[in-house]
């Protein structure tokens, strides 16, 4: 197993790197490792409501820069830049073909188990979480899960000495149009949830500031 101190070191090493060394590129092997930690991330019911767009094209990055105000320093300098999408109600609805595909072709469940699991999922959407009340409710639920993959990628990157910066600052409507016009994304199926840049820092990291552990943890024995 990995030494616990090494893991904590990685968490202390990680910070939101706003500008990268544009001359240093992440190796294919290291970036494949980072992507694999996203692929292996957990999701509700194991339905993986995400898609990752790796934007290396300079022209596309320039177009992103026009609408992503939170990545003005990272888009031009990052070794790798990812736009993270979350699935919308059309494909996450309990009766969708995508959900059937996941249970049949990915999870390899039997017909009996699919029927039982599908029933649980239907109840979960209809009443437990009331996800069918609006398109936004379903998208927000999917989006929350993409942040698990986001965190895993940033942590795994830090553990091998690679910097990252998560990005939420963008103009949503303009971003949606850009996804359709330039990336060929079907906005009925996917929406942008966040972005993340990877590379190598040029500036020294500031001291990490966090609340003390007893300010955020409450035990019930």
Protein backbone atom coordinates (compact mmCIF):
# COMPACT_ATOMS: atom_id res chain seq x y z
CA UNK A 1 0.00 0.00 0.00
CA UNK A 2 1.03 3.63 -0.49
CA UNK A 3 2.62 5.38 2.47
CA UNK A 4 0.03 7.62 4.16
CA UNK A 5 2.52 10.44 4.57
CA UNK A 6 3.15 10.45 0.83
CA UNK A 7 -0.57 10.84 0.19
CA UNK A 8 -0.83 13.79 2.59
CA UNK A 9 2.25 15.31 0.94
CA UNK A 10 0.42 15.16 -2.40
CA UNK A 11 -2.64 16.87 -0.93
CA UNK A 12 -0.43 19.63 0.45
CA UNK A 13 1.43 19.89 -2.86
CA UNK A 14 -1.76 20.32 -4.91
CA UNK A 15 -3.00 23.85 -5.40
CA UNK A 16 -4.98 25.77 -8.01
CA UNK A 17 -2.16 26.62 -10.41
CA UNK A 18 -3.29 29.69 -12.38
CA UNK A 19 -0.37 29.79 -14.84
CA UNK A 20 1.72 26.86 -16.10
CA UNK A 21 5.11 26.51 -17.71
CA UNK A 22 4.01 26.44 -21.36
CA UNK A 23 7.27 24.82 -22.39
CA UNK A 24 6.81 21.71 -20.27
CA UNK A 25 4.49 18.97 -21.49
CA UNK A 26 3.03 16.03 -19.59
CA UNK A 27 4.08 12.69 -21.03
CA UNK A 28 1.49 10.49 -22.72
CA UNK A 29 2.09 7.83 -20.07
CA UNK A 30 1.49 10.20 -17.17
CA UNK A 31 -1.61 11.76 -18.72
CA UNK A 32 -3.06 8.34 -19.53
CA UNK A 33 -2.59 7.51 -15.84
CA UNK A 34 -4.53 10.64 -14.84
CA UNK A 35 -7.36 9.80 -17.26
CA UNK A 36 -7.53 6.25 -15.95
CA UNK A 37 -8.23 7.56 -12.46
CA UNK A 38 -11.18 9.45 -13.94
CA UNK A 39 -12.44 6.35 -15.73
CA UNK A 40 -12.24 4.31 -12.53
CA UNK A 41 -14.06 6.90 -10.44
CA UNK A 42 -17.30 5.89 -8.68
CA UNK A 43 -20.72 7.12 -9.77
CA UNK A 44 -24.27 6.66 -8.54
CA UNK A 45 -25.56 3.24 -9.61
CA UNK A 46 -22.32 2.96 -11.60
CA UNK A 47 -23.93 4.80 -14.54
CA UNK A 48 -20.95 7.08 -15.28
CA UNK A 49 -22.82 10.26 -16.30
CA UNK A 50 -19.76 11.98 -17.77
CA UNK A 51 -17.68 12.72 -20.83
CA UNK A 52 -14.21 14.28 -20.98
CA UNK A 53 -13.15 16.54 -23.86
CA UNK A 54 -9.37 16.93 -24.07
CA UNK A 55 -8.74 20.23 -25.82
CA UNK A 56 -5.23 20.46 -27.24
CA UNK A 57 -6.08 22.40 -30.41
CA UNK A 58 -4.80 25.99 -30.09
CA UNK A 59 -7.67 27.51 -32.10
CA UNK A 60 -10.28 25.78 -29.96
CA UNK A 61 -8.51 26.94 -26.81
CA UNK A 62 -8.66 30.51 -28.10
CA UNK A 63 -12.39 30.16 -28.67
CA UNK A 64 -12.82 28.74 -25.17
CA UNK A 65 -10.86 31.67 -23.77
CA UNK A 66 -13.54 34.05 -25.08
CA UNK A 67 -16.21 32.51 -22.83
CA UNK A 68 -14.21 30.88 -20.02
CA UNK A 69 -13.17 33.86 -17.91
CA UNK A 70 -11.81 31.58 -15.19
CA UNK A 71 -9.11 30.11 -17.43
CA UNK A 72 -7.41 33.15 -18.92
CA UNK A 73 -4.03 32.11 -17.54
CA UNK A 74 -4.37 28.36 -17.87
CA UNK A 75 -5.81 27.94 -21.36
CA UNK A 76 -2.72 29.41 -23.09
CA UNK A 77 -0.18 27.66 -20.85
CA UNK A 78 -1.61 24.29 -19.77
CA UNK A 79 -0.06 21.13 -21.12
CA UNK A 80 -3.51 19.52 -21.19
CA UNK A 81 -6.97 21.06 -20.80
CA UNK A 82 -10.17 19.09 -20.18
CA UNK A 83 -13.80 20.18 -20.49
CA UNK A 84 -15.95 17.90 -18.33
CA UNK A 85 -19.51 17.19 -19.44
CA UNK A 86 -22.40 15.74 -17.47
CA UNK A 87 -25.30 13.82 -18.95
CA UNK A 88 -28.76 15.39 -18.98
CA UNK A 89 -32.20 13.92 -18.38
CA UNK A 90 -32.55 12.51 -21.91
CA UNK A 91 -29.89 9.87 -21.32
CA UNK A 92 -30.04 9.57 -17.51
CA UNK A 93 -33.81 8.89 -17.32
CA UNK A 94 -34.53 5.42 -15.95
CA UNK A 95 -36.12 4.38 -19.28
CA UNK A 96 -33.33 5.67 -21.57
CA UNK A 97 -31.33 3.55 -23.98
CA UNK A 98 -28.13 4.72 -22.31
CA UNK A 99 -29.16 3.29 -18.94
CA UNK A 100 -30.17 0.02 -20.61
CA UNK A 101 -26.82 -0.05 -22.40
CA UNK A 102 -24.93 0.47 -19.13
CA UNK A 103 -26.73 -2.36 -17.37
CA UNK A 104 -26.63 -4.79 -20.29
CA UNK A 105 -23.36 -4.08 -22.07
CA UNK A 106 -21.13 -2.57 -19.39
CA UNK A 107 -22.33 -4.15 -16.14
CA UNK A 108 -23.33 -7.41 -17.89
CA UNK A 109 -26.36 -7.90 -15.66
CA UNK A 110 -28.94 -10.62 -16.19
CA UNK A 111 -32.47 -9.69 -17.28
CA UNK A 112 -33.81 -10.37 -13.78
CA UNK A 113 -31.20 -8.16 -12.14
CA UNK A 114 -31.73 -5.43 -14.73
CA UNK A 115 -35.43 -5.41 -13.96
CA UNK A 116 -34.82 -5.24 -10.20
CA UNK A 117 -32.04 -2.65 -10.41
CA UNK A 118 -34.02 -0.60 -12.93
CA UNK A 119 -36.93 -0.57 -10.50
CA UNK A 120 -34.73 0.78 -7.71
CA UNK A 121 -33.36 3.42 -10.07
CA UNK A 122 -36.89 4.47 -11.11
CA UNK A 123 -37.96 4.92 -7.48
CA UNK A 124 -34.73 6.79 -6.72
CA UNK A 125 -35.43 9.25 -9.55
CA UNK A 126 -39.17 9.63 -9.01
CA UNK A 127 -39.40 9.95 -5.24
CA UNK A 128 -36.16 9.52 -3.29
CA UNK A 129 -34.36 12.43 -5.00
CA UNK A 130 -37.22 13.87 -7.08
CA UNK A 131 -34.91 14.08 -10.08
CA UNK A 132 -37.69 14.16 -12.67
CA UNK A 133 -39.14 17.46 -11.48
CA UNK A 134 -36.95 19.38 -13.93
CA UNK A 135 -34.13 19.10 -16.43
CA UNK A 136 -31.98 21.11 -14.01
CA UNK A 137 -32.52 18.68 -11.14
CA UNK A 138 -31.23 15.76 -13.20
CA UNK A 139 -28.31 17.73 -14.61
CA UNK A 140 -27.27 18.97 -11.17
CA UNK A 141 -27.31 15.38 -9.88
CA UNK A 142 -25.15 14.22 -12.78
CA UNK A 143 -22.83 17.19 -12.36
CA UNK A 144 -22.15 16.39 -8.71
CA UNK A 145 -20.77 13.04 -9.77
CA UNK A 146 -18.36 14.53 -12.29
CA UNK A 147 -16.65 16.31 -9.39
CA UNK A 148 -15.63 12.93 -7.99
CA UNK A 149 -13.71 12.22 -11.21
CA UNK A 150 -12.36 15.78 -11.17
CA UNK A 151 -10.99 15.38 -7.64
CA UNK A 152 -9.48 11.99 -8.42
CA UNK A 153 -7.67 13.38 -11.46
CA UNK A 154 -6.25 16.33 -9.54
CA UNK A 155 -5.13 14.14 -6.65
CA UNK A 156 -3.53 11.50 -8.85
CA UNK A 157 -1.76 14.26 -10.79
CA UNK A 158 -0.39 15.76 -7.57
CA UNK A 159 0.89 12.36 -6.49
CA UNK A 160 3.19 12.25 -9.53
CA UNK A 161 4.24 15.91 -9.35
CA UNK A 162 1.81 17.35 -11.91
CA UNK A 163 -0.10 20.56 -11.20
CA UNK A 164 -3.73 21.28 -11.94
CA UNK A 165 -6.40 23.95 -11.73
CA UNK A 166 -10.17 23.32 -11.64
CA UNK A 167 -12.27 25.86 -13.56
CA UNK A 168 -15.91 26.86 -13.07
CA UNK A 169 -15.78 30.43 -14.36
CA UNK A 170 -17.55 30.52 -17.71
CA UNK A 171 -20.63 32.00 -19.39
CA UNK A 172 -22.99 29.04 -19.54
CA UNK A 173 -25.18 29.95 -22.54
CA UNK A 174 -22.23 30.93 -24.70
CA UNK A 175 -20.39 27.81 -23.63
CA UNK A 176 -23.32 25.63 -24.62
CA UNK A 177 -23.40 27.20 -28.09
CA UNK A 178 -19.64 26.71 -28.43
CA UNK A 179 -19.98 23.05 -27.51
CA UNK A 180 -22.51 22.58 -30.31
CA UNK A 181 -20.84 24.69 -32.98
CA UNK A 182 -17.19 23.76 -32.44
CA UNK A 183 -17.15 20.45 -30.57
CA UNK A 184 -20.19 18.71 -32.06
CA UNK A 185 -21.76 18.05 -28.66
CA UNK A 186 -25.49 17.33 -28.52
CA UNK A 187 -26.74 19.75 -25.88
CA UNK A 188 -29.86 17.66 -25.37
CA UNK A 189 -27.62 14.92 -23.99
CA UNK A 190 -24.69 16.74 -22.37
CA UNK A 191 -23.94 19.99 -20.58
CA UNK A 192 -20.68 21.51 -19.34
CA UNK A 193 -20.15 21.07 -15.63
CA UNK A 194 -16.55 22.26 -15.13
CA UNK A 195 -13.08 22.20 -16.63
CA UNK A 196 -9.58 21.34 -15.42
CA UNK A 197 -6.11 22.28 -16.62
CA UNK A 198 -2.92 20.27 -16.09
CA UNK A 199 0.73 21.19 -16.40
CA UNK A 200 3.73 22.30 -14.36
CA UNK A 201 3.85 25.35 -12.11
CA UNK A 202 6.03 28.39 -12.72
CA UNK A 203 5.24 30.25 -9.49
CA UNK A 204 5.89 29.13 -5.94
CA UNK A 205 2.88 27.75 -4.14
CA UNK A 206 1.43 29.86 -1.34
CA UNK A 207 1.02 28.29 2.07
CA UNK A 208 -2.12 26.17 2.15
CA UNK A 209 -4.81 27.56 4.45
CA UNK A 210 -7.60 25.39 5.83
CA UNK A 211 -9.83 25.34 8.89
CA UNK A 212 -8.66 23.21 11.79
CA UNK A 213 -9.99 19.63 11.80
CA UNK A 214 -12.15 20.16 14.90
CA UNK A 215 -13.91 23.06 13.20
CA UNK A 216 -15.28 20.89 10.41
CA UNK A 217 -15.67 17.44 12.01
CA UNK A 218 -18.39 16.48 14.46
CA UNK A 219 -18.47 12.99 15.97
CA UNK A 220 -21.56 11.14 17.22
CA UNK A 221 -20.66 8.17 19.38
